[in-house]
C-alpha atoms as a PDB file:
ATOM      1  CA  UNK A   1       0.347 -18.110 -18.807  1.00  0.00           C
ATOM      2  CA  UNK A   2       2.523 -20.338 -16.456  1.00  0.00           C
ATOM      3  CA  UNK A   3       4.149 -17.272 -15.269  1.00  0.00           C
ATOM      4  CA  UNK A   4       0.362 -15.646 -14.420  1.00  0.00           C
ATOM      5  CA  UNK A   5      -0.670 -18.535 -13.011  1.00  0.00           C
ATOM      6  CA  UNK A   6       2.506 -18.277 -10.475  1.00  0.00           C
ATOM      7  CA  UNK A   7       1.869 -15.147  -9.877  1.00  0.00           C
ATOM      8  CA  UNK A   8      -1.658 -15.554  -9.330  1.00  0.00           C
ATOM      9  CA  UNK A   9      -0.899 -18.341  -7.284  1.00  0.00           C
ATOM     10  CA  UNK A  10       1.215 -16.100  -4.870  1.00  0.00           C
ATOM     11  CA  UNK A  11      -1.159 -13.369  -4.459  1.00  0.00           C
ATOM     12  CA  UNK A  12      -3.453 -16.295  -2.906  1.00  0.00           C
ATOM     13  CA  UNK A  13      -0.908 -16.890  -0.786  1.00  0.00           C
ATOM     14  CA  UNK A  14      -0.156 -13.779   0.647  1.00  0.00           C
ATOM     15  CA  UNK A  15      -3.936 -13.743   1.574  1.00  0.00           C
ATOM     16  CA  UNK A  16      -2.915 -15.503   4.940  1.00  0.00           C
ATOM     17  CA  UNK A  17      -0.956 -12.791   5.906  1.00  0.00           C
ATOM     18  CA  UNK A  18      -5.131 -10.938   7.134  1.00  0.00           C
ATOM     19  CA  UNK A  19      -7.526 -12.111   8.728  1.00  0.00           C
ATOM     20  CA  UNK A  20      -9.958 -10.141   6.344  1.00  0.00           C
ATOM     21  CA  UNK A  21     -12.003 -11.422   3.634  1.00  0.00           C
ATOM     22  CA  UNK A  22     -10.550 -10.906  -0.338  1.00  0.00           C
ATOM     23  CA  UNK A  23     -11.640 -10.335  -3.612  1.00  0.00           C
ATOM     24  CA  UNK A  24      -9.589 -10.750  -6.524  1.00  0.00           C
ATOM     25  CA  UNK A  25      -9.009  -8.015  -9.239  1.00  0.00           C
ATOM     26  CA  UNK A  26      -7.683  -7.658 -12.471  1.00  0.00           C
ATOM     27  CA  UNK A  27      -5.744  -3.815 -13.933  1.00  0.00           C
ATOM     28  CA  UNK A  28      -7.835  -2.185 -16.155  1.00  0.00           C
ATOM     29  CA  UNK A  29      -5.488   0.384 -16.978  1.00  0.00           C
ATOM     30  CA  UNK A  30      -3.373   3.451 -14.792  1.00  0.00           C
ATOM     31  CA  UNK A  31      -3.546   6.810 -14.680  1.00  0.00           C
ATOM     32  CA  UNK A  32      -1.703   8.261 -18.100  1.00  0.00           C
ATOM     33  CA  UNK A  33      -1.573  11.753 -15.645  1.00  0.00           C
ATOM     34  CA  UNK A  34       2.181  11.869 -14.763  1.00  0.00           C
ATOM     35  CA  UNK A  35       0.806  14.072 -10.907  1.00  0.00           C
ATOM     36  CA  UNK A  36      -1.619  10.926 -10.648  1.00  0.00           C
ATOM     37  CA  UNK A  37      -0.248   7.684  -9.404  1.00  0.00           C
ATOM     38  CA  UNK A  38      -3.741   5.590  -9.764  1.00  0.00           C
ATOM     39  CA  UNK A  39      -4.963   2.477 -11.363  1.00  0.00           C
ATOM     40  CA  UNK A  40      -8.479   0.862 -12.338  1.00  0.00           C
ATOM     41  CA  UNK A  41      -9.640  -2.024 -11.386  1.00  0.00           C
ATOM     42  CA  UNK A  42     -12.131  -4.640 -12.657  1.00  0.00           C
ATOM     43  CA  UNK A  43     -14.188  -4.875  -9.499  1.00  0.00           C
ATOM     44  CA  UNK A  44     -17.002  -2.438  -8.379  1.00  0.00           C
ATOM     45  CA  UNK A  45     -20.237  -1.828  -6.739  1.00  0.00           C
ATOM     46  CA  UNK A  46     -21.823  -4.815  -8.170  1.00  0.00           C
ATOM     47  CA  UNK A  47     -18.956  -7.045  -5.993  1.00  0.00           C
ATOM     48  CA  UNK A  48     -19.472  -4.483  -3.320  1.00  0.00           C
ATOM     49  CA  UNK A  49     -16.043  -2.674  -3.714  1.00  0.00           C
ATOM     50  CA  UNK A  50     -16.515   0.582  -1.579  1.00  0.00           C
ATOM     51  CA  UNK A  51     -14.551   3.611  -1.194  1.00  0.00           C
ATOM     52  CA  UNK A  52     -11.654   2.733   1.536  1.00  0.00           C
ATOM     53  CA  UNK A  53     -11.047  -0.581   0.844  1.00  0.00           C
ATOM     54  CA  UNK A  54      -7.612  -1.503   1.346  1.00  0.00           C
ATOM     55  CA  UNK A  55      -5.479  -3.118  -2.285  1.00  0.00           C
ATOM     56  CA  UNK A  56      -2.517  -5.278  -1.577  1.00  0.00           C
ATOM     57  CA  UNK A  57      -0.756  -7.195  -4.325  1.00  0.00           C
ATOM     58  CA  UNK A  58       1.312 -10.478  -3.439  1.00  0.00           C
ATOM     59  CA  UNK A  59       4.575  -8.108  -2.274  1.00  0.00           C
ATOM     60  CA  UNK A  60       2.941  -5.505  -0.138  1.00  0.00           C
ATOM     61  CA  UNK A  61       0.351  -2.775   0.022  1.00  0.00           C
ATOM     62  CA  UNK A  62      -0.615  -1.498  -3.495  1.00  0.00           C
ATOM     63  CA  UNK A  63      -3.715   1.676  -1.961  1.00  0.00           C
ATOM     64  CA  UNK A  64      -7.193   2.483  -1.127  1.00  0.00           C
ATOM     65  CA  UNK A  65      -9.746   2.501  -3.177  1.00  0.00           C
ATOM     66  CA  UNK A  66     -11.060   6.309  -4.379  1.00  0.00           C
ATOM     67  CA  UNK A  67     -14.013   5.811  -6.669  1.00  0.00           C
ATOM     68  CA  UNK A  68     -16.259   2.717  -7.299  1.00  0.00           C
ATOM     69  CA  UNK A  69     -18.636   2.245 -10.650  1.00  0.00           C
ATOM     70  CA  UNK A  70     -20.325  -0.477 -11.208  1.00  0.00           C
ATOM     71  CA  UNK A  71     -18.308  -2.691 -12.560  1.00  0.00           C
ATOM     72  CA  UNK A  72     -14.912  -1.100 -12.015  1.00  0.00           C
ATOM     73  CA  UNK A  73     -13.148   0.818  -9.054  1.00  0.00           C
ATOM     74  CA  UNK A  74     -10.171   3.772  -8.785  1.00  0.00           C
ATOM     75  CA  UNK A  75      -7.523   3.260  -6.736  1.00  0.00           C
ATOM     76  CA  UNK A  76      -4.478   5.694  -5.573  1.00  0.00           C
ATOM     77  CA  UNK A  77      -1.553   3.764  -5.146  1.00  0.00           C
ATOM     78  CA  UNK A  78       0.690   3.813  -1.992  1.00  0.00           C
ATOM     79  CA  UNK A  79       2.903   6.059  -4.069  1.00  0.00           C
ATOM     80  CA  UNK A  80       0.732   8.722  -5.199  1.00  0.00           C
ATOM     81  CA  UNK A  81       1.467  12.706  -3.611  1.00  0.00           C
ATOM     82  CA  UNK A  82      -1.664  12.438  -1.836  1.00  0.00           C
ATOM     83  CA  UNK A  83      -0.814   9.371  -0.014  1.00  0.00           C
ATOM     84  CA  UNK A  84      -0.062   8.510   3.588  1.00  0.00           C
ATOM     85  CA  UNK A  85       0.107   5.649   5.556  1.00  0.00           C
ATOM     86  CA  UNK A  86       0.837   4.684   9.017  1.00  0.00           C
ATOM     87  CA  UNK A  87       3.492   1.773   9.223  1.00  0.00           C
ATOM     88  CA  UNK A  88       5.591   0.652  11.783  1.00  0.00           C
ATOM     89  CA  UNK A  89       9.060  -1.050  11.901  1.00  0.00           C
ATOM     90  CA  UNK A  90       9.248  -4.602  11.938  1.00  0.00           C
ATOM     91  CA  UNK A  91      12.379  -4.962  13.754  1.00  0.00           C
ATOM     92  CA  UNK A  92      10.990  -2.706  16.574  1.00  0.00           C
ATOM     93  CA  UNK A  93       7.896  -1.225  16.373  1.00  0.00           C
ATOM     94  CA  UNK A  94       8.783   1.767  16.068  1.00  0.00           C
ATOM     95  CA  UNK A  95       5.952   4.293  14.205  1.00  0.00           C
ATOM     96  CA  UNK A  96       5.917   6.694  11.380  1.00  0.00           C
ATOM     97  CA  UNK A  97       4.485   7.942   8.388  1.00  0.00           C
ATOM     98  CA  UNK A  98       5.550   6.865   4.903  1.00  0.00           C
ATOM     99  CA  UNK A  99       4.304   9.546   2.169  1.00  0.00           C
ATOM    100  CA  UNK A 100       4.333   8.820  -1.745  1.00  0.00           C
ATOM    101  CA  UNK A 101       6.323  11.141  -3.945  1.00  0.00           C
ATOM    102  CA  UNK A 102       4.557  10.599  -7.327  1.00  0.00           C
ATOM    103  CA  UNK A 103       6.900   8.222  -8.033  1.00  0.00           C
ATOM    104  CA  UNK A 104       6.314   4.466  -8.578  1.00  0.00           C
ATOM    105  CA  UNK A 105       9.866   3.324  -7.005  1.00  0.00           C
ATOM    106  CA  UNK A 106       9.870   6.465  -4.377  1.00  0.00           C
ATOM    107  CA  UNK A 107       8.308   6.781  -0.741  1.00  0.00           C
ATOM    108  CA  UNK A 108       9.620   8.944   2.334  1.00  0.00           C
ATOM    109  CA  UNK A 109       8.794   8.903   6.047  1.00  0.00           C
ATOM    110  CA  UNK A 110       7.469  11.959   7.565  1.00  0.00           C
ATOM    111  CA  UNK A 111       9.160  13.518  10.610  1.00  0.00           C
ATOM    112  CA  UNK A 112      11.266  11.355  11.678  1.00  0.00           C
ATOM    113  CA  UNK A 113      13.750  12.491  14.678  1.00  0.00           C
ATOM    114  CA  UNK A 114      17.353  11.948  13.988  1.00  0.00           C
ATOM    115  CA  UNK A 115      17.189   9.982  17.333  1.00  0.00           C
ATOM    116  CA  UNK A 116      14.694   7.499  15.528  1.00  0.00           C
ATOM    117  CA  UNK A 117      16.205   4.006  15.977  1.00  0.00           C
ATOM    118  CA  UNK A 118      15.628   3.635  12.213  1.00  0.00           C
ATOM    119  CA  UNK A 119      18.498   1.711   9.494  1.00  0.00           C
ATOM    120  CA  UNK A 120      18.802   1.539   5.665  1.00  0.00           C
ATOM    121  CA  UNK A 121      17.266  -1.926   4.876  1.00  0.00           C
ATOM    122  CA  UNK A 122      14.421  -2.226   7.515  1.00  0.00           C
ATOM    123  CA  UNK A 123      11.478  -3.445   6.881  1.00  0.00           C
ATOM    124  CA  UNK A 124       8.321  -1.484   6.977  1.00  0.00           C
ATOM    125  CA  UNK A 125       4.929  -3.186   7.627  1.00  0.00           C
ATOM    126  CA  UNK A 126       1.227  -1.141   8.103  1.00  0.00           C
ATOM    127  CA  UNK A 127       0.174  -0.277  11.532  1.00  0.00           C
ATOM    128  CA  UNK A 128      -3.353  -1.097  11.087  1.00  0.00           C
ATOM    129  CA  UNK A 129      -3.587   2.316  13.039  1.00  0.00           C
ATOM    130  CA  UNK A 130      -5.411   4.199  10.205  1.00  0.00           C
ATOM    131  CA  UNK A 131      -8.153   1.223  10.027  1.00  0.00           C
ATOM    132  CA  UNK A 132      -7.919   1.227   6.378  1.00  0.00           C
ATOM    133  CA  UNK A 133      -5.541  -0.735   5.876  1.00  0.00           C
ATOM    134  CA  UNK A 134      -4.906  -4.603   7.358  1.00  0.00           C
ATOM    135  CA  UNK A 135      -1.937  -4.304  10.174  1.00  0.00           C
ATOM    136  CA  UNK A 136       1.488  -6.208   9.693  1.00  0.00           C
ATOM    137  CA  UNK A 137       1.190  -6.264   5.629  1.00  0.00           C
ATOM    138  CA  UNK A 138       4.366  -5.101   4.117  1.00  0.00           C
ATOM    139  CA  UNK A 139       4.884  -1.507   2.923  1.00  0.00           C
ATOM    140  CA  UNK A 140       8.140  -0.685   2.281  1.00  0.00           C
ATOM    141  CA  UNK A 141      11.927  -1.133   2.558  1.00  0.00           C
ATOM    142  CA  UNK A 142      14.221   1.825   3.788  1.00  0.00           C
ATOM    143  CA  UNK A 143      17.056   2.401   1.290  1.00  0.00           C
ATOM    144  CA  UNK A 144      18.540   5.933   2.309  1.00  0.00           C
ATOM    145  CA  UNK A 145      19.010   7.865   5.450  1.00  0.00           C
ATOM    146  CA  UNK A 146      20.470  11.429   5.085  1.00  0.00           C
ATOM    147  CA  UNK A 147      20.975  13.662   8.065  1.00  0.00           C
ATOM    148  CA  UNK A 148      20.764  17.551   6.980  1.00  0.00           C
ATOM    149  CA  UNK A 149      23.260  18.851   9.623  1.00  0.00           C
ATOM    150  CA  UNK A 150      20.398  21.937  10.235  1.00  0.00           C
ATOM    151  CA  UNK A 151      17.255  20.189  10.364  1.00  0.00           C
ATOM    152  CA  UNK A 152      15.766  18.263  12.825  1.00  0.00           C
ATOM    153  CA  UNK A 153      14.616  15.392  10.862  1.00  0.00           C
ATOM    154  CA  UNK A 154      16.296  12.822   8.689  1.00  0.00           C
ATOM    155  CA  UNK A 155      15.555  12.358   5.396  1.00  0.00           C
ATOM    156  CA  UNK A 156      14.168   8.849   5.064  1.00  0.00           C
ATOM    157  CA  UNK A 157      13.571   7.172   1.698  1.00  0.00           C
ATOM    158  CA  UNK A 158      11.423   3.618   1.019  1.00  0.00           C
ATOM    159  CA  UNK A 159      10.764   1.716  -1.914  1.00  0.00           C
ATOM    160  CA  UNK A 160       7.214   0.018  -2.144  1.00  0.00           C
ATOM    161  CA  UNK A 161       7.339  -3.322  -1.149  1.00  0.00           C
ATOM    162  CA  UNK A 162       4.282  -3.962  -3.982  1.00  0.00           C
ATOM    163  CA  UNK A 163       5.226  -4.317  -7.302  1.00  0.00           C
ATOM    164  CA  UNK A 164       3.234  -1.531  -8.435  1.00  0.00           C
ATOM    165  CA  UNK A 165       4.445  -1.144 -12.062  1.00  0.00           C
ATOM    166  CA  UNK A 166       4.054  -4.706 -12.690  1.00  0.00           C
ATOM    167  CA  UNK A 167       1.027  -6.128 -10.657  1.00  0.00           C
ATOM    168  CA  UNK A 168      -1.700  -7.642 -13.034  1.00  0.00           C
ATOM    169  CA  UNK A 169      -3.855  -8.974  -9.943  1.00  0.00           C
ATOM    170  CA  UNK A 170      -4.626  -7.477  -6.899  1.00  0.00           C
ATOM    171  CA  UNK A 171      -6.541  -8.350  -3.711  1.00  0.00           C
ATOM    172  CA  UNK A 172      -9.474  -6.182  -2.308  1.00  0.00           C
ATOM    173  CA  UNK A 173      -9.966  -6.256   1.711  1.00  0.00           C
ATOM    174  CA  UNK A 174     -12.655  -6.397   2.986  1.00  0.00           C
ATOM    175  CA  UNK A 175     -12.421  -5.279   6.215  1.00  0.00           C
ATOM    176  CA  UNK A 176     -15.200  -7.154   8.529  1.00  0.00           C
ATOM    177  CA  UNK A 177     -14.984  -4.509  10.894  1.00  0.00           C
ATOM    178  CA  UNK A 178     -16.483  -2.091   8.531  1.00  0.00           C
ATOM    179  CA  UNK A 179     -18.700  -3.894   6.977  1.00  0.00           C
ATOM    180  CA  UNK A 180     -20.528  -5.177   9.632  1.00  0.00           C
ATOM    181  CA  UNK A 181     -20.564  -1.407  11.863  1.00  0.00           C
ATOM    182  CA  UNK A 182     -21.814   0.404   8.461  1.00  0.00           C
ATOM    183  CA  UNK A 183     -18.906   2.736   8.830  1.00  0.00           C
END
C-alpha cells in the first residue's frame, strides 16, 4: 500500500511537466498477443476519453488511446511496432522519429544520419510536433549506437523512460487545443 501511494504521488508530480488537464487511469489488462503492445485502462467515454489521447506514466510517455468504450480504453504503447513518436534530443534539440520494436524494453530511431549529433546516454523528449503528445515529456534514453559501414544511417537503440511493464496507474492527457477546436 505504501509503495502504491508513493507511485501515485510520483504520477501526480509528473503532471507538473505538462500544461494540459490530466485524468488518472488504472491498468486493467494487457494484450496477450505477442505481436501487439497494448493495454486496457479503466477510463472511457463516460470520462470524456478520446481516440488519440496521450497516455503517460510517472517516468515517461506510455502511448496513445486507440479505442474507447463507455468505461475503458485500449492504448497502443509506444513500443508497439506500429508506433512512431516525434522526439528531440534534450541536449541539443535535434529531432528524430522513435519507433517501437514490439518489445517492451527496446525502441529505435528512424533515419539517423551518420553525421548526427547524438551520443549514448542522450535523453529524448517528445517534440510535440504531432500534436498528440505533450512537448518535452521524457520518452527514452539512447542506449546503443552502431555504424554499419555500407549504410548511410546509424542504428540507434533506445530504452523507453516509462515503466511499461511495472506501472499500474497512468495519466490520460486532455489536450485543451484539441477539445476546444473539436479536432
